[in-house]
Amino acid sequence: MKISQEIKRKIIQIVAFGYSNTYLGNFVNGQLYKGKWKQFCNPGLNCYSCPAARLSCPIGSMQAVSGSINFKMSFYVLGFVLAIGVLFGRAICGFICPFGLIQELIYKIPSPKKKIWKTLTYVKYVLLVVFVLALPILHTNKVGMGAPAFCEYICPAGTLEAGLPMLAKHPELRAIIGSLFSVKMLILIITLVGCVIVCRFFCKVMCPLGAIYGILNKISVYHMEINKDSCISCGKCQAVCPMDVNPVTNPNSAECIRCGKCTACCPKEALSFSWRYGSKSSTTQNPSSHKAPGIYGE
């Protein structure tokens, strides 16, 4: 029996989540893994301070190095993120990101489902510029150290994956929490409610990592193509898109996470994913004549 594309994607997501969060036993003792793997970044969003986390969060690492005394920009981390983005674009969001899987599971909770106001999708770019890039460099203490502003003031993934588990195991931390944690809890509650009602609410509105990968979607090696001669404008692809994208008019939208739901439902196989070799591929050619093996292994 042929396994559907969506099941294959879920398997990849679960494996990636498991590899990213290997040390589940740390939840019991409230400790963090600080071994050699923490010097490497996870391609997706997964809090460094999560007790189970094996790898570092690229957004947290980007801020930490940007705000250090010796560096004005985290060239290593930024280079890693840009390289991954140029290769895969937001396919990382659709397949590898641990917090992306958490959001999809939360969205399965029965409730009225809504679409996000399009203007709100630009909020993540503001958060990227202000809290990830600017504040760690511009706002420093007396010894030149900048704060990881997005992690400290906003990140709901960090509050859920690290803040709450660590507070649960460490009474001394509960004794010193202040108003900032109350604000972060409010942001977390809004995010969780948003994820129940809107598919991948955090990805659409708040994720600075998704903003970076989204910018690179247009030029990424792994990309979507459409055979406009085959397309019958039935609208099925737009109807199933979890990111509210119309693949026919914008096949490489900054919001597309390359989940493959649109390609799977197309009755004419007018949509396909392929690897860009050399010059930019045409979006009107026959996909069957240029279809390369993709993430699904097809």
Protein backbone atom coordinates (compact mmCIF):
# COMPACT_ATOMS: atom_id res chain seq x y z
CA MET A 1 0.00 0.00 0.00
CA LYS A 2 1.37 3.39 -1.00
CA ILE A 3 1.97 5.74 1.93
CA SER A 4 0.52 9.19 1.42
CA GLN A 5 2.73 12.26 1.27
CA GLU A 6 1.21 13.64 4.46
CA ILE A 7 2.00 10.46 6.41
CA LYS A 8 5.59 10.58 5.13
CA ARG A 9 5.84 14.19 6.25
CA LYS A 10 4.52 13.34 9.70
CA ILE A 11 7.06 10.53 10.06
CA ILE A 12 9.88 12.94 9.17
CA GLN A 13 8.51 15.51 11.64
CA ILE A 14 8.35 12.95 14.46
CA VAL A 15 11.87 11.67 13.77
CA ALA A 16 13.22 15.24 13.65
CA PHE A 17 11.41 16.08 16.88
CA GLY A 18 12.81 12.99 18.59
CA TYR A 19 16.37 13.71 17.47
CA SER A 20 16.06 17.34 18.58
CA ASN A 21 14.76 16.34 22.03
CA THR A 22 16.74 13.26 22.97
CA TYR A 23 17.18 13.84 26.69
CA LEU A 24 13.62 13.37 27.94
CA GLY A 25 14.91 12.15 31.30
CA ASN A 26 16.09 15.69 32.06
CA PHE A 27 12.48 16.73 32.59
CA VAL A 28 12.47 14.57 35.72
CA ASN A 29 15.49 16.23 37.36
CA GLY A 30 15.10 19.69 35.83
CA GLN A 31 18.56 19.73 34.29
CA LEU A 32 19.78 20.83 30.87
CA TYR A 33 21.95 18.95 28.43
CA LYS A 34 25.15 21.00 27.97
CA GLY A 35 27.28 18.54 26.00
CA LYS A 36 29.14 18.96 22.72
CA TRP A 37 25.99 18.81 20.55
CA LYS A 38 24.81 22.13 22.02
CA GLN A 39 27.46 23.91 19.96
CA PHE A 40 25.45 23.00 16.85
CA CYS A 41 22.20 24.66 15.80
CA ASN A 42 18.88 23.01 15.12
CA PRO A 43 17.57 24.03 11.66
CA GLY A 44 14.14 24.54 13.26
CA LEU A 45 12.92 26.41 16.34
CA ASN A 46 13.60 24.45 19.55
CA CYS A 47 14.56 26.20 22.77
CA TYR A 48 18.15 25.78 23.98
CA SER A 49 16.93 25.68 27.58
CA CYS A 50 14.41 22.91 27.02
CA PRO A 51 15.60 20.10 29.32
CA ALA A 52 15.33 17.54 26.53
CA ALA A 53 17.01 19.64 23.81
CA ARG A 54 20.09 18.20 22.12
CA LEU A 55 20.88 21.20 19.89
CA SER A 56 20.83 24.98 20.19
CA CYS A 57 18.09 27.20 18.82
CA PRO A 58 19.39 29.23 15.85
CA ILE A 59 17.44 32.34 16.89
CA GLY A 60 18.77 32.16 20.44
CA SER A 61 22.31 31.52 19.19
CA MET A 62 22.09 34.40 16.73
CA GLN A 63 21.20 36.80 19.54
CA ALA A 64 23.73 35.38 21.99
CA VAL A 65 26.67 35.88 19.65
CA SER A 66 25.37 39.20 18.34
CA GLY A 67 25.25 40.49 21.88
CA SER A 68 28.69 39.28 22.90
CA ILE A 69 31.68 41.48 23.58
CA ASN A 70 33.75 40.06 20.74
CA PHE A 71 31.25 39.93 17.90
CA LYS A 72 28.88 42.41 16.28
CA MET A 73 27.15 39.76 14.19
CA SER A 74 26.79 36.02 14.64
CA PHE A 75 28.40 35.09 11.33
CA TYR A 76 28.55 31.37 12.02
CA VAL A 77 24.91 31.04 13.02
CA LEU A 78 23.68 33.45 10.37
CA GLY A 79 25.71 31.60 7.74
CA PHE A 80 24.21 28.29 8.82
CA VAL A 81 20.65 29.63 8.70
CA LEU A 82 21.19 31.29 5.30
CA ALA A 83 22.76 28.13 3.84
CA ILE A 84 19.85 25.98 5.04
CA GLY A 85 17.38 28.57 3.76
CA VAL A 86 18.99 28.80 0.32
CA LEU A 87 18.85 25.02 -0.02
CA PHE A 88 15.39 24.26 1.39
CA GLY A 89 13.53 27.51 2.06
CA ARG A 90 10.59 27.01 4.42
CA ALA A 91 10.58 23.26 3.82
CA ILE A 92 12.45 23.26 7.15
CA CYS A 93 9.30 24.68 8.76
CA GLY A 94 7.14 21.99 7.18
CA PHE A 95 9.35 19.00 7.93
CA ILE A 96 12.05 19.63 10.55
CA CYS A 97 10.87 22.29 12.99
CA PRO A 98 9.91 20.78 16.39
CA PHE A 99 7.65 23.68 17.31
CA GLY A 100 5.94 23.35 13.95
CA LEU A 101 4.89 19.81 14.86
CA ILE A 102 3.63 20.99 18.25
CA GLN A 103 1.47 23.61 16.54
CA GLU A 104 -0.03 21.09 14.13
CA LEU A 105 -0.96 18.81 17.02
CA ILE A 106 -2.54 21.71 18.93
CA TYR A 107 -4.56 22.65 15.83
CA LYS A 108 -6.23 19.24 15.97
CA ILE A 109 -8.08 20.29 19.14
CA PRO A 110 -11.76 20.65 18.12
CA SER A 111 -12.72 24.32 17.75
CA PRO A 112 -13.93 26.83 15.16
CA LYS A 113 -11.13 27.29 12.62
CA LYS A 114 -10.24 30.68 11.18
CA LYS A 115 -7.83 32.23 8.71
CA ILE A 116 -5.39 34.90 9.83
CA TRP A 117 -5.63 38.52 8.73
CA LYS A 118 -2.95 38.78 6.02
CA THR A 119 -1.41 41.95 7.44
CA LEU A 120 -0.48 40.07 10.63
CA THR A 121 1.93 37.86 8.66
CA TYR A 122 4.30 40.84 8.49
CA VAL A 123 4.64 40.99 12.28
CA LYS A 124 7.30 38.26 12.21
CA TYR A 125 9.54 40.44 10.04
CA VAL A 126 9.28 43.29 12.57
CA LEU A 127 10.16 40.86 15.37
CA LEU A 128 13.14 39.60 13.35
CA VAL A 129 14.56 43.07 12.69
CA VAL A 130 13.87 44.59 16.11
CA PHE A 131 14.26 41.77 18.64
CA VAL A 132 16.66 39.36 16.91
CA LEU A 133 18.95 41.63 14.90
CA ALA A 134 18.84 45.15 16.37
CA LEU A 135 18.30 45.01 20.14
CA PRO A 136 21.06 42.48 20.99
CA ILE A 137 23.56 44.80 19.29
CA LEU A 138 22.18 48.24 20.17
CA HIS A 139 21.03 47.62 23.74
CA THR A 140 23.98 46.38 25.78
CA ASN A 141 25.02 46.54 29.42
CA LYS A 142 28.10 48.21 30.91
CA VAL A 143 30.43 45.42 29.81
CA GLY A 144 29.09 45.32 26.25
CA MET A 145 26.83 42.30 26.61
CA GLY A 146 23.48 42.43 24.84
CA ALA A 147 20.36 40.55 25.89
CA PRO A 148 18.76 37.86 23.69
CA ALA A 149 15.70 40.08 23.34
CA PHE A 150 13.35 37.76 21.45
CA CYS A 151 14.03 34.87 23.82
CA GLU A 152 13.84 37.05 26.92
CA TYR A 153 10.76 39.10 26.14
CA ILE A 154 8.64 37.20 23.63
CA CYS A 155 9.39 33.62 22.59
CA PRO A 156 6.37 31.44 23.54
CA ALA A 157 8.25 28.30 22.48
CA GLY A 158 10.86 28.99 25.14
CA THR A 159 8.21 29.61 27.79
CA LEU A 160 6.45 26.34 26.94
CA GLU A 161 9.50 24.13 26.40
CA ALA A 162 11.87 25.57 29.01
CA GLY A 163 10.26 28.12 31.33
CA LEU A 164 7.38 26.03 32.63
CA PRO A 165 9.31 22.72 32.98
CA MET A 166 12.18 24.41 34.84
CA LEU A 167 9.83 26.29 37.16
CA ALA A 168 8.01 23.05 37.92
CA LYS A 169 11.25 21.42 39.13
CA HIS A 170 12.96 24.38 40.79
CA PRO A 171 11.10 26.12 43.67
CA GLU A 172 13.93 28.66 43.95
CA LEU A 173 13.10 29.90 40.44
CA ARG A 174 9.42 30.26 41.30
CA ALA A 175 10.39 32.50 44.20
CA ILE A 176 12.10 35.06 41.97
CA ILE A 177 9.85 35.27 38.89
CA GLY A 178 8.51 38.73 38.22
CA SER A 179 6.19 40.65 35.95
CA LEU A 180 8.18 39.78 32.82
CA PHE A 181 7.28 36.12 33.18
CA SER A 182 3.61 37.10 33.54
CA VAL A 183 3.88 38.94 30.21
CA LYS A 184 5.51 35.92 28.60
CA MET A 185 2.80 33.66 29.98
CA LEU A 186 0.19 35.94 28.43
CA ILE A 187 2.02 35.74 25.09
CA LEU A 188 2.13 31.95 25.42
CA ILE A 189 -1.60 31.72 26.17
CA ILE A 190 -2.42 33.95 23.18
CA THR A 191 -0.15 31.82 21.00
CA LEU A 192 -1.68 28.52 22.14
CA VAL A 193 -5.22 29.80 21.65
CA GLY A 194 -4.17 31.13 18.26
CA CYS A 195 -2.70 27.74 17.32
CA VAL A 196 -5.98 26.02 18.21
CA ILE A 197 -7.98 28.35 15.97
CA VAL A 198 -5.46 29.17 13.21
CA CYS A 199 -3.23 26.53 11.64
CA ARG A 200 0.39 27.30 12.55
CA PHE A 201 -0.47 30.64 14.13
CA PHE A 202 3.06 31.16 15.47
CA CYS A 203 4.62 30.36 12.07
CA LYS A 204 2.38 32.85 10.31
CA VAL A 205 2.59 35.72 12.76
CA MET A 206 5.54 35.50 15.16
CA CYS A 207 8.39 33.23 14.02
CA PRO A 208 11.57 35.17 13.09
CA LEU A 209 13.21 31.99 11.82
CA GLY A 210 10.28 31.41 9.47
CA ALA A 211 10.70 35.01 8.33
CA ILE A 212 14.30 34.34 7.30
CA TYR A 213 13.45 31.10 5.51
CA GLY A 214 10.44 32.77 3.89
CA ILE A 215 12.59 35.51 2.38
CA LEU A 216 14.75 32.79 0.84
CA ASN A 217 11.79 30.78 -0.53
CA LYS A 218 11.95 32.63 -3.86
CA ILE A 219 15.53 31.56 -4.53
CA SER A 220 15.79 28.27 -2.65
CA VAL A 221 17.18 25.27 -4.53
CA TYR A 222 14.20 23.17 -3.46
CA HIS A 223 11.21 24.95 -4.92
CA MET A 224 7.74 24.56 -6.39
CA GLU A 225 6.86 24.63 -10.09
CA ILE A 226 3.52 24.94 -11.81
CA ASN A 227 2.54 23.78 -15.27
CA LYS A 228 0.07 26.51 -16.18
CA ASP A 229 -0.94 24.65 -19.32
CA SER A 230 -2.22 21.77 -17.18
CA CYS A 231 -3.77 23.86 -14.41
CA ILE A 232 -7.58 24.01 -14.60
CA SER A 233 -7.95 26.62 -11.81
CA CYS A 234 -10.10 24.30 -9.71
CA GLY A 235 -8.95 25.94 -6.45
CA LYS A 236 -8.31 22.67 -4.64
CA CYS A 237 -4.66 23.53 -3.94
CA GLN A 238 -5.55 26.83 -2.27
CA ALA A 239 -8.36 25.20 -0.27
CA VAL A 240 -6.04 22.63 1.37
CA CYS A 241 -3.07 24.95 1.99
CA PRO A 242 -2.46 25.27 5.75
CA MET A 243 -0.59 28.54 5.19
CA ASP A 244 -3.39 30.20 3.16
CA VAL A 245 -1.29 30.40 -0.01
CA ASN A 246 -2.58 30.24 -3.58
CA PRO A 247 0.11 28.09 -5.26
CA VAL A 248 -1.18 28.90 -8.73
CA THR A 249 -0.51 32.62 -8.43
CA ASN A 250 2.43 32.43 -6.00
CA PRO A 251 4.03 28.97 -6.00
CA ASN A 252 7.06 30.14 -4.01
CA SER A 253 5.34 32.40 -1.53
CA ALA A 254 7.23 33.40 1.59
CA GLU A 255 4.48 31.66 3.56
CA CYS A 256 4.73 28.27 1.79
CA ILE A 257 6.19 25.56 4.06
CA ARG A 258 6.48 22.99 1.23
CA CYS A 259 4.18 20.55 3.03
CA GLY A 260 3.03 19.03 -0.28
CA LYS A 261 -0.71 19.06 0.39
CA CYS A 262 -1.32 21.11 -2.75
CA THR A 263 0.71 18.81 -5.01
CA ALA A 264 -1.04 15.76 -3.58
CA CYS A 265 -4.55 17.06 -4.25
CA CYS A 266 -3.98 18.51 -7.74
CA PRO A 267 -6.15 16.47 -10.17
CA LYS A 268 -3.93 17.39 -13.14
CA GLU A 269 -0.53 17.11 -11.39
CA ALA A 270 0.15 20.68 -12.43
CA LEU A 271 2.11 21.39 -9.24
CA SER A 272 5.39 19.72 -8.35
CA PHE A 273 8.50 20.18 -6.23
CA SER A 274 11.94 19.94 -7.76
CA TRP A 275 15.55 20.98 -7.30
CA ARG A 276 16.78 24.06 -9.08
CA TYR A 277 19.92 23.28 -11.09
CA GLY A 278 21.92 26.15 -12.53
CA SER A 279 19.64 28.73 -14.09
CA LYS A 280 16.15 29.38 -12.71
CA SER A 281 13.62 26.78 -13.83
CA SER A 282 10.53 27.79 -15.75
CA THR A 283 7.24 27.72 -13.87
CA THR A 284 5.30 26.82 -16.99
CA GLN A 285 7.09 23.70 -18.11
CA ASN A 286 5.74 20.18 -17.85
CA PRO A 287 6.57 19.04 -14.30
CA SER A 288 6.68 15.41 -15.32
CA SER A 289 9.63 16.14 -17.57
CA HIS A 290 11.62 17.90 -14.85
CA LYS A 291 10.53 16.30 -11.62
CA ALA A 292 13.48 15.52 -9.42
CA PRO A 293 13.55 13.34 -6.31
CA GLY A 294 12.21 15.45 -3.47
CA ILE A 295 11.90 15.35 0.27
CA TYR A 296 9.35 12.57 0.00
CA GLY A 297 11.89 10.31 -1.71
CA GLU A 298 9.84 10.09 -4.90
